[in-house]
Amino acid sequence: MRDIRNGPLFLRLGARMRGPKGVPVGTLKRVLISNVSSWGALPEQSAIIPASCHPVEDIKISDVYFIKSGGH
């Protein structure tokens, strides 16, 4: 990735609850991210964000290289 406007990685489990009543919050688990390179991204942070009371599980991030604008 080059010159992207946000953080290189953004994983979010939301509880928007737009489906029919009684549909549970989904899951975010068993995610593998590897061999990712990013240059010149704006200084936004990468993030992994769980929904309230719904944990994110089994995330593996390996072999990543991020250089932010300004050398961060």
PDB file of N, CA and C in Angstrom:
ATOM      1  N   MET A   1       0.849  -1.163   0.000  1.00  0.00           N
ATOM      2  CA  MET A   1       0.000   0.000   0.000  1.00  0.00           C
ATOM      3  C   MET A   1       0.896   1.227   0.000  1.00  0.00           C
ATOM      4  N   ARG A   2       0.492   2.237  -0.773  1.00  0.00           N
ATOM      5  CA  ARG A   2       1.267   3.482  -0.807  1.00  0.00           C
ATOM      6  C   ARG A   2       0.339   4.675  -0.682  1.00  0.00           C
ATOM      7  N   ASP A   3       0.764   5.628   0.152  1.00  0.00           N
ATOM      8  CA  ASP A   3       0.066   6.913   0.301  1.00  0.00           C
ATOM      9  C   ASP A   3      -1.420   6.746   0.604  1.00  0.00           C
ATOM     10  N   ILE A   4      -1.759   5.828   1.491  1.00  0.00           N
ATOM     11  CA  ILE A   4      -3.165   5.654   1.843  1.00  0.00           C
ATOM     12  C   ILE A   4      -3.572   6.715   2.862  1.00  0.00           C
ATOM     13  N   ARG A   5      -4.863   6.968   2.969  1.00  0.00           N
ATOM     14  CA  ARG A   5      -5.364   8.075   3.788  1.00  0.00           C
ATOM     15  C   ARG A   5      -5.645   7.684   5.235  1.00  0.00           C
ATOM     16  N   ASN A   6      -5.731   6.412   5.553  1.00  0.00           N
ATOM     17  CA  ASN A   6      -6.029   5.953   6.910  1.00  0.00           C
ATOM     18  C   ASN A   6      -4.978   4.960   7.368  1.00  0.00           C
ATOM     19  N   GLY A   7      -5.177   4.390   8.546  1.00  0.00           N
ATOM     20  CA  GLY A   7      -4.260   3.377   9.043  1.00  0.00           C
ATOM     21  C   GLY A   7      -4.265   2.155   8.141  1.00  0.00           C
ATOM     22  N   PRO A   8      -3.130   1.500   7.987  1.00  0.00           N
ATOM     23  CA  PRO A   8      -3.045   0.344   7.088  1.00  0.00           C
ATOM     24  C   PRO A   8      -3.950  -0.823   7.478  1.00  0.00           C
ATOM     25  N   LEU A   9      -4.170  -1.037   8.777  1.00  0.00           N
ATOM     26  CA  LEU A   9      -5.032  -2.133   9.220  1.00  0.00           C
ATOM     27  C   LEU A   9      -6.146  -1.576  10.108  1.00  0.00           C
ATOM     28  N   PHE A  10      -7.374  -1.967   9.826  1.00  0.00           N
ATOM     29  CA  PHE A  10      -8.503  -1.539  10.648  1.00  0.00           C
ATOM     30  C   PHE A  10      -9.508  -2.677  10.673  1.00  0.00           C
ATOM     31  N   LEU A  11      -9.594  -3.366  11.798  1.00  0.00           N
ATOM     32  CA  LEU A  11     -10.541  -4.471  11.973  1.00  0.00           C
ATOM     33  C   LEU A  11     -11.534  -4.040  13.052  1.00  0.00           C
ATOM     34  N   ARG A  12     -12.826  -4.099  12.749  1.00  0.00           N
ATOM     35  CA  ARG A  12     -13.825  -3.649  13.718  1.00  0.00           C
ATOM     36  C   ARG A  12     -15.019  -4.591  13.729  1.00  0.00           C
ATOM     37  N   LEU A  13     -15.378  -5.011  14.917  1.00  0.00           N
ATOM     38  CA  LEU A  13     -16.594  -5.791  15.112  1.00  0.00           C
ATOM     39  C   LEU A  13     -17.631  -4.831  15.658  1.00  0.00           C
ATOM     40  N   GLY A  14     -18.649  -4.547  14.880  1.00  0.00           N
ATOM     41  CA  GLY A  14     -19.675  -3.610  15.314  1.00  0.00           C
ATOM     42  C   GLY A  14     -20.965  -4.315  15.684  1.00  0.00           C
ATOM     43  N   ALA A  15     -21.770  -3.638  16.472  1.00  0.00           N
ATOM     44  CA  ALA A  15     -23.085  -4.147  16.860  1.00  0.00           C
ATOM     45  C   ALA A  15     -24.135  -3.174  16.334  1.00  0.00           C
ATOM     46  N   ARG A  16     -24.281  -3.105  15.015  1.00  0.00           N
ATOM     47  CA  ARG A  16     -25.196  -2.142  14.411  1.00  0.00           C
ATOM     48  C   ARG A  16     -26.658  -2.533  14.580  1.00  0.00           C
ATOM     49  N   MET A  17     -26.914  -3.835  14.705  1.00  0.00           N
ATOM     50  CA  MET A  17     -28.237  -4.371  15.003  1.00  0.00           C
ATOM     51  C   MET A  17     -29.307  -3.871  14.030  1.00  0.00           C
ATOM     52  N   ARG A  18     -29.009  -3.947  12.755  1.00  0.00           N
ATOM     53  CA  ARG A  18     -29.951  -3.520  11.722  1.00  0.00           C
ATOM     54  C   ARG A  18     -30.809  -4.664  11.187  1.00  0.00           C
ATOM     55  N   GLY A  19     -30.524  -5.875  11.619  1.00  0.00           N
ATOM     56  CA  GLY A  19     -31.287  -7.036  11.149  1.00  0.00           C
ATOM     57  C   GLY A  19     -32.575  -7.196  11.932  1.00  0.00           C
ATOM     58  N   PRO A  20     -33.293  -8.270  11.680  1.00  0.00           N
ATOM     59  CA  PRO A  20     -34.514  -8.542  12.444  1.00  0.00           C
ATOM     60  C   PRO A  20     -34.201  -8.712  13.932  1.00  0.00           C
ATOM     61  N   LYS A  21     -35.179  -8.478  14.776  1.00  0.00           N
ATOM     62  CA  LYS A  21     -34.994  -8.635  16.222  1.00  0.00           C
ATOM     63  C   LYS A  21     -34.562 -10.068  16.537  1.00  0.00           C
ATOM     64  N   GLY A  22     -33.665 -10.186  17.511  1.00  0.00           N
ATOM     65  CA  GLY A  22     -33.198 -11.492  17.935  1.00  0.00           C
ATOM     66  C   GLY A  22     -31.954 -11.987  17.220  1.00  0.00           C
ATOM     67  N   VAL A  23     -31.491 -11.295  16.176  1.00  0.00           N
ATOM     68  CA  VAL A  23     -30.270 -11.704  15.475  1.00  0.00           C
ATOM     69  C   VAL A  23     -29.078 -11.278  16.337  1.00  0.00           C
ATOM     70  N   PRO A  24     -28.195 -12.204  16.682  1.00  0.00           N
ATOM     71  CA  PRO A  24     -27.072 -11.867  17.568  1.00  0.00           C
ATOM     72  C   PRO A  24     -25.992 -11.061  16.846  1.00  0.00           C
ATOM     73  N   VAL A  25     -25.124 -10.464  17.645  1.00  0.00           N
ATOM     74  CA  VAL A  25     -23.947  -9.779  17.102  1.00  0.00           C
ATOM     75  C   VAL A  25     -23.046 -10.837  16.473  1.00  0.00           C
ATOM     76  N   GLY A  26     -22.430 -10.511  15.345  1.00  0.00           N
ATOM     77  CA  GLY A  26     -21.553 -11.454  14.661  1.00  0.00           C
ATOM     78  C   GLY A  26     -20.256 -11.681  15.421  1.00  0.00           C
ATOM     79  N   THR A  27     -19.304 -12.332  14.788  1.00  0.00           N
ATOM     80  CA  THR A  27     -18.014 -12.610  15.409  1.00  0.00           C
ATOM     81  C   THR A  27     -16.887 -12.135  14.505  1.00  0.00           C
ATOM     82  N   LEU A  28     -15.762 -11.857  15.111  1.00  0.00           N
ATOM     83  CA  LEU A  28     -14.535 -11.556  14.383  1.00  0.00           C
ATOM     84  C   LEU A  28     -13.472 -12.436  15.005  1.00  0.00           C
ATOM     85  N   LYS A  29     -13.159 -13.545  14.324  1.00  0.00           N
ATOM     86  CA  LYS A  29     -12.188 -14.491  14.863  1.00  0.00           C
ATOM     87  C   LYS A  29     -11.513 -15.253  13.736  1.00  0.00           C
ATOM     88  N   ARG A  30     -10.380 -15.870  14.112  1.00  0.00           N
ATOM     89  CA  ARG A  30      -9.569 -16.651  13.171  1.00  0.00           C
ATOM     90  C   ARG A  30      -9.179 -15.837  11.929  1.00  0.00           C
ATOM     91  N   VAL A  31      -8.514 -14.701  12.171  1.00  0.00           N
ATOM     92  CA  VAL A  31      -8.053 -13.824  11.099  1.00  0.00           C
ATOM     93  C   VAL A  31      -6.533 -13.913  11.026  1.00  0.00           C
ATOM     94  N   LEU A  32      -6.000 -14.097   9.830  1.00  0.00           N
ATOM     95  CA  LEU A  32      -4.560 -14.139   9.601  1.00  0.00           C
ATOM     96  C   LEU A  32      -4.199 -13.036   8.614  1.00  0.00           C
ATOM     97  N   ILE A  33      -3.315 -12.150   9.027  1.00  0.00           N
ATOM     98  CA  ILE A  33      -2.815 -11.080   8.158  1.00  0.00           C
ATOM     99  C   ILE A  33      -1.307 -11.218   8.130  1.00  0.00           C
ATOM    100  N   SER A  34      -0.733 -11.365   6.928  1.00  0.00           N
ATOM    101  CA  SER A  34       0.721 -11.505   6.843  1.00  0.00           C
ATOM    102  C   SER A  34       1.235 -10.904   5.544  1.00  0.00           C
ATOM    103  N   ASN A  35       2.522 -10.583   5.564  1.00  0.00           N
ATOM    104  CA  ASN A  35       3.223 -10.048   4.394  1.00  0.00           C
ATOM    105  C   ASN A  35       2.562  -8.786   3.864  1.00  0.00           C
ATOM    106  N   VAL A  36       2.393  -7.796   4.734  1.00  0.00           N
ATOM    107  CA  VAL A  36       1.783  -6.517   4.356  1.00  0.00           C
ATOM    108  C   VAL A  36       2.829  -5.419   4.506  1.00  0.00           C
ATOM    109  N   SER A  37       2.946  -4.572   3.491  1.00  0.00           N
ATOM    110  CA  SER A  37       3.851  -3.425   3.536  1.00  0.00           C
ATOM    111  C   SER A  37       3.065  -2.166   3.213  1.00  0.00           C
ATOM    112  N   SER A  38       3.406  -1.076   3.910  1.00  0.00           N
ATOM    113  CA  SER A  38       2.723   0.190   3.694  1.00  0.00           C
ATOM    114  C   SER A  38       3.737   1.323   3.811  1.00  0.00           C
ATOM    115  N   TRP A  39       3.736   2.232   2.843  1.00  0.00           N
ATOM    116  CA  TRP A  39       4.614   3.397   2.842  1.00  0.00           C
ATOM    117  C   TRP A  39       3.781   4.661   2.670  1.00  0.00           C
ATOM    118  N   GLY A  40       4.123   5.691   3.422  1.00  0.00           N
ATOM    119  CA  GLY A  40       3.541   7.003   3.215  1.00  0.00           C
ATOM    120  C   GLY A  40       2.103   7.165   3.688  1.00  0.00           C
ATOM    121  N   ALA A  41       1.638   6.301   4.564  1.00  0.00           N
ATOM    122  CA  ALA A  41       0.277   6.457   5.087  1.00  0.00           C
ATOM    123  C   ALA A  41       0.225   7.692   5.987  1.00  0.00           C
ATOM    124  N   LEU A  42      -0.916   8.332   6.031  1.00  0.00           N
ATOM    125  CA  LEU A  42      -1.090   9.434   6.966  1.00  0.00           C
ATOM    126  C   LEU A  42      -0.965   8.891   8.382  1.00  0.00           C
ATOM    127  N   PRO A  43      -0.631   9.746   9.364  1.00  0.00           N
ATOM    128  CA  PRO A  43      -0.360   9.215  10.708  1.00  0.00           C
ATOM    129  C   PRO A  43      -1.608   8.801  11.495  1.00  0.00           C
ATOM    130  N   GLU A  44      -2.503   8.085  10.880  1.00  0.00           N
ATOM    131  CA  GLU A  44      -3.630   7.472  11.574  1.00  0.00           C
ATOM    132  C   GLU A  44      -3.168   6.122  12.105  1.00  0.00           C
ATOM    133  N   GLN A  45      -3.766   5.668  13.174  1.00  0.00           N
ATOM    134  CA  GLN A  45      -3.359   4.405  13.760  1.00  0.00           C
ATOM    135  C   GLN A  45      -4.089   3.231  13.130  1.00  0.00           C
ATOM    136  N   SER A  46      -3.421   2.110  13.094  1.00  0.00           N
ATOM    137  CA  SER A  46      -4.101   0.860  12.781  1.00  0.00           C
ATOM    138  C   SER A  46      -4.825   0.431  14.045  1.00  0.00           C
ATOM    139  N   ALA A  47      -5.918  -0.328  13.898  1.00  0.00           N
ATOM    140  CA  ALA A  47      -6.699  -0.671  15.084  1.00  0.00           C
ATOM    141  C   ALA A  47      -7.408  -2.007  14.925  1.00  0.00           C
ATOM    142  N   ILE A  48      -7.616  -2.663  16.060  1.00  0.00           N
ATOM    143  CA  ILE A  48      -8.489  -3.827  16.165  1.00  0.00           C
ATOM    144  C   ILE A  48      -9.489  -3.471  17.260  1.00  0.00           C
ATOM    145  N   ILE A  49     -10.764  -3.331  16.887  1.00  0.00           N
ATOM    146  CA  ILE A  49     -11.774  -2.801  17.804  1.00  0.00           C
ATOM    147  C   ILE A  49     -12.900  -3.809  17.987  1.00  0.00           C
ATOM    148  N   PRO A  50     -13.083  -4.330  19.208  1.00  0.00           N
ATOM    149  CA  PRO A  50     -14.199  -5.248  19.461  1.00  0.00           C
ATOM    150  C   PRO A  50     -15.477  -4.474  19.780  1.00  0.00           C
ATOM    151  N   ALA A  51     -16.614  -5.112  19.591  1.00  0.00           N
ATOM    152  CA  ALA A  51     -17.882  -4.539  20.045  1.00  0.00           C
ATOM    153  C   ALA A  51     -17.955  -4.715  21.559  1.00  0.00           C
ATOM    154  N   SER A  52     -18.740  -3.892  22.206  1.00  0.00           N
ATOM    155  CA  SER A  52     -18.893  -3.973  23.654  1.00  0.00           C
ATOM    156  C   SER A  52     -19.367  -5.379  24.055  1.00  0.00           C
ATOM    157  N   CYS A  53     -18.638  -6.002  24.958  1.00  0.00           N
ATOM    158  CA  CYS A  53     -18.961  -7.343  25.492  1.00  0.00           C
ATOM    159  C   CYS A  53     -18.884  -8.456  24.448  1.00  0.00           C
ATOM    160  N   HIS A  54     -18.260  -8.220  23.308  1.00  0.00           N
ATOM    161  CA  HIS A  54     -18.107  -9.249  22.269  1.00  0.00           C
ATOM    162  C   HIS A  54     -16.646  -9.251  21.833  1.00  0.00           C
ATOM    163  N   PRO A  55     -15.825 -10.121  22.405  1.00  0.00           N
ATOM    164  CA  PRO A  55     -14.390 -10.077  22.138  1.00  0.00           C
ATOM    165  C   PRO A  55     -14.021 -10.476  20.706  1.00  0.00           C
ATOM    166  N   VAL A  56     -12.902  -9.958  20.262  1.00  0.00           N
ATOM    167  CA  VAL A  56     -12.262 -10.373  19.020  1.00  0.00           C
ATOM    168  C   VAL A  56     -11.318 -11.507  19.404  1.00  0.00           C
ATOM    169  N   GLU A  57     -11.303 -12.586  18.631  1.00  0.00           N
ATOM    170  CA  GLU A  57     -10.543 -13.772  19.017  1.00  0.00           C
ATOM    171  C   GLU A  57      -9.592 -14.240  17.920  1.00  0.00           C
ATOM    172  N   ASP A  58      -8.438 -14.734  18.338  1.00  0.00           N
ATOM    173  CA  ASP A  58      -7.505 -15.448  17.469  1.00  0.00           C
ATOM    174  C   ASP A  58      -7.106 -14.639  16.228  1.00  0.00           C
ATOM    175  N   ILE A  59      -6.493 -13.479  16.461  1.00  0.00           N
ATOM    176  CA  ILE A  59      -5.986 -12.631  15.383  1.00  0.00           C
ATOM    177  C   ILE A  59      -4.472 -12.800  15.339  1.00  0.00           C
ATOM    178  N   LYS A  60      -3.925 -13.127  14.186  1.00  0.00           N
ATOM    179  CA  LYS A  60      -2.476 -13.267  14.035  1.00  0.00           C
ATOM    180  C   LYS A  60      -2.015 -12.295  12.957  1.00  0.00           C
ATOM    181  N   ILE A  61      -1.102 -11.413  13.337  1.00  0.00           N
ATOM    182  CA  ILE A  61      -0.518 -10.441  12.409  1.00  0.00           C
ATOM    183  C   ILE A  61       0.982 -10.691  12.395  1.00  0.00           C
ATOM    184  N   SER A  62       1.532 -10.965  11.204  1.00  0.00           N
ATOM    185  CA  SER A  62       2.964 -11.252  11.115  1.00  0.00           C
ATOM    186  C   SER A  62       3.550 -10.665   9.841  1.00  0.00           C
ATOM    187  N   ASP A  63       4.834 -10.407   9.896  1.00  0.00           N
ATOM    188  CA  ASP A  63       5.587  -9.892   8.747  1.00  0.00           C
ATOM    189  C   ASP A  63       4.945  -8.643   8.153  1.00  0.00           C
ATOM    190  N   VAL A  64       4.709  -7.641   9.003  1.00  0.00           N
ATOM    191  CA  VAL A  64       4.165  -6.368   8.521  1.00  0.00           C
ATOM    192  C   VAL A  64       5.225  -5.285   8.654  1.00  0.00           C
ATOM    193  N   TYR A  65       5.191  -4.325   7.743  1.00  0.00           N
ATOM    194  CA  TYR A  65       6.174  -3.239   7.701  1.00  0.00           C
ATOM    195  C   TYR A  65       5.405  -1.975   7.349  1.00  0.00           C
ATOM    196  N   PHE A  66       5.290  -1.038   8.307  1.00  0.00           N
ATOM    197  CA  PHE A  66       4.542   0.200   8.083  1.00  0.00           C
ATOM    198  C   PHE A  66       5.479   1.397   8.266  1.00  0.00           C
ATOM    199  N   ILE A  67       5.547   2.266   7.273  1.00  0.00           N
ATOM    200  CA  ILE A  67       6.244   3.544   7.391  1.00  0.00           C
ATOM    201  C   ILE A  67       5.200   4.633   7.164  1.00  0.00           C
ATOM    202  N   LYS A  68       5.009   5.469   8.170  1.00  0.00           N
ATOM    203  CA  LYS A  68       4.011   6.543   8.103  1.00  0.00           C
ATOM    204  C   LYS A  68       4.624   7.796   7.503  1.00  0.00           C
ATOM    205  N   SER A  69       3.794   8.716   7.025  1.00  0.00           N
ATOM    206  CA  SER A  69       4.274  10.013   6.546  1.00  0.00           C
ATOM    207  C   SER A  69       4.987  10.726   7.680  1.00  0.00           C
ATOM    208  N   GLY A  70       6.075  11.374   7.383  1.00  0.00           N
ATOM    209  CA  GLY A  70       6.817  12.075   8.418  1.00  0.00           C
ATOM    210  C   GLY A  70       7.767  11.170   9.190  1.00  0.00           C
ATOM    211  N   GLY A  71       7.855   9.890   8.818  1.00  0.00           N
ATOM    212  CA  GLY A  71       8.803   8.980   9.444  1.00  0.00           C
ATOM    213  C   GLY A  71       8.313   8.303  10.709  1.00  0.00           C
ATOM    214  N   HIS A  72       7.033   8.385  11.022  1.00  0.00           N
ATOM    215  CA  HIS A  72       6.509   7.730  12.222  1.00  0.00           C
ATOM    216  C   HIS A  72       6.573   6.219  12.044  1.00  0.00           C
TER     217      HIS A  72
END
